[in-house]
Amino acid sequence: MIGYQEGKELTEDRVRKEHGLEPRARMATSTIRPGARPNYISNYGDWIASNATLSTAPDQIAIAPGYLAARMDENGRRYFHYRMDVPILNFYSFLSAATQ
């Protein structure tokens, strides 16, 4: 993984002191947003607002997270607008396929 990995921190106070580090905090601070905490899919996930408009070829249907809020045909393309009324996990797919 790229970036800081909290799980790789030294955890024992004695070892941290040997390396000139402060004792590790034992509880999360109140500045951590609840939606940014680890979840059942990843320690790096987040809950997000979902609002997406997808464009496809005229013979396809597009699917995204949420509820289909609008659908229109314009300039030889199909458009699908999906939105969700509650935050979703930042783990999703966008799909489209022919309507055969």
Protein backbone atom coordinates (compact mmCIF):
# COMPACT_ATOMS: atom_id res chain seq x y z
CA MET A 1 0.00 0.00 0.00
CA ILE A 2 1.04 3.54 -0.64
CA GLY A 3 0.94 6.03 2.21
CA TYR A 4 1.09 5.98 5.97
CA GLN A 5 0.12 2.69 7.58
CA GLU A 6 -0.87 3.04 11.21
CA GLY A 7 -0.69 -0.73 11.68
CA LYS A 8 3.09 -0.60 11.15
CA GLU A 9 3.69 1.71 14.13
CA LEU A 10 5.73 0.52 17.09
CA THR A 11 3.17 -0.29 19.77
CA GLU A 12 5.12 -1.05 22.94
CA ASP A 13 5.86 2.05 25.02
CA ARG A 14 9.29 0.71 26.01
CA VAL A 15 10.35 0.21 22.37
CA ARG A 16 8.92 3.57 21.34
CA LYS A 17 10.89 5.27 24.14
CA GLU A 18 14.11 3.57 22.92
CA HIS A 19 13.51 5.26 19.54
CA GLY A 20 12.72 8.67 21.06
CA LEU A 21 8.99 8.37 20.44
CA GLU A 22 6.11 9.37 22.70
CA PRO A 23 3.84 6.63 24.07
CA ARG A 24 1.20 5.66 21.54
CA ALA A 25 -2.28 7.08 22.13
CA ARG A 26 -4.59 4.36 23.38
CA MET A 27 -7.89 5.79 22.14
CA ALA A 28 -8.96 7.57 18.99
CA THR A 29 -9.23 11.32 19.36
CA SER A 30 -12.56 13.06 18.90
CA THR A 31 -11.20 14.73 15.75
CA ILE A 32 -11.55 11.50 13.76
CA ARG A 33 -14.75 11.61 11.73
CA PRO A 34 -16.92 8.54 12.41
CA GLY A 35 -17.21 7.83 8.67
CA ALA A 36 -13.42 7.64 8.30
CA ARG A 37 -12.95 4.80 10.75
CA PRO A 38 -12.10 1.27 9.60
CA ASN A 39 -15.02 -0.78 8.30
CA TYR A 40 -15.63 -4.41 7.42
CA ILE A 41 -14.04 -4.06 3.96
CA SER A 42 -10.96 -1.94 4.63
CA ASN A 43 -9.05 -0.01 7.26
CA TYR A 44 -8.84 2.82 4.75
CA GLY A 45 -12.47 3.06 3.65
CA ASP A 46 -14.79 5.97 4.09
CA TRP A 47 -18.52 6.59 3.81
CA ILE A 48 -19.36 8.89 0.91
CA ALA A 49 -22.32 10.62 -0.72
CA SER A 50 -23.33 8.85 -3.93
CA ASN A 51 -24.66 10.92 -6.83
CA ALA A 52 -23.65 9.81 -10.33
CA THR A 53 -24.72 10.39 -13.92
CA LEU A 54 -23.61 7.76 -16.43
CA SER A 55 -23.74 8.00 -20.22
CA THR A 56 -23.96 4.92 -22.46
CA ALA A 57 -24.50 3.90 -26.04
CA PRO A 58 -28.21 3.99 -27.00
CA ASP A 59 -28.58 0.20 -26.75
CA GLN A 60 -27.24 -0.07 -23.18
CA ILE A 61 -28.43 0.32 -19.60
CA ALA A 62 -26.11 1.72 -16.94
CA ILE A 63 -26.17 0.78 -13.26
CA ALA A 64 -24.58 2.68 -10.37
CA PRO A 65 -25.01 2.73 -6.59
CA GLY A 66 -28.28 4.22 -5.39
CA TYR A 67 -31.73 4.80 -6.81
CA LEU A 68 -32.46 5.70 -10.42
CA ALA A 69 -33.44 9.35 -10.14
CA ALA A 70 -33.63 10.21 -13.85
CA ARG A 71 -33.15 8.71 -17.29
CA MET A 72 -32.96 10.54 -20.61
CA ASP A 73 -31.93 10.09 -24.24
CA GLU A 74 -30.02 12.96 -25.80
CA ASN A 75 -27.71 13.36 -28.82
CA GLY A 76 -27.65 9.63 -29.53
CA ARG A 77 -26.70 8.71 -25.93
CA ARG A 78 -28.57 7.36 -22.92
CA TYR A 79 -28.10 9.04 -19.54
CA PHE A 80 -28.84 7.52 -16.15
CA HIS A 81 -28.72 9.56 -12.95
CA TYR A 82 -28.39 7.56 -9.73
CA ARG A 83 -28.30 8.93 -6.20
CA MET A 84 -28.41 7.50 -2.71
CA ASP A 85 -30.17 9.12 0.24
CA VAL A 86 -27.67 7.85 2.82
CA PRO A 87 -23.86 7.60 2.72
CA ILE A 88 -22.44 4.45 1.15
CA LEU A 89 -19.14 2.68 1.64
CA ASN A 90 -16.40 3.92 -0.71
CA PHE A 91 -16.47 0.56 -2.49
CA TYR A 92 -18.70 0.40 -5.55
CA SER A 93 -18.94 -0.36 -9.28
CA PHE A 94 -20.38 1.28 -12.35
CA LEU A 95 -21.74 -1.14 -14.94
CA SER A 96 -23.36 -1.01 -18.35
CA ALA A 97 -24.53 -3.69 -20.75
CA ALA A 98 -26.53 -4.10 -23.91
CA THR A 99 -30.29 -4.51 -23.43
CA GLN A 100 -30.61 -7.49 -25.78
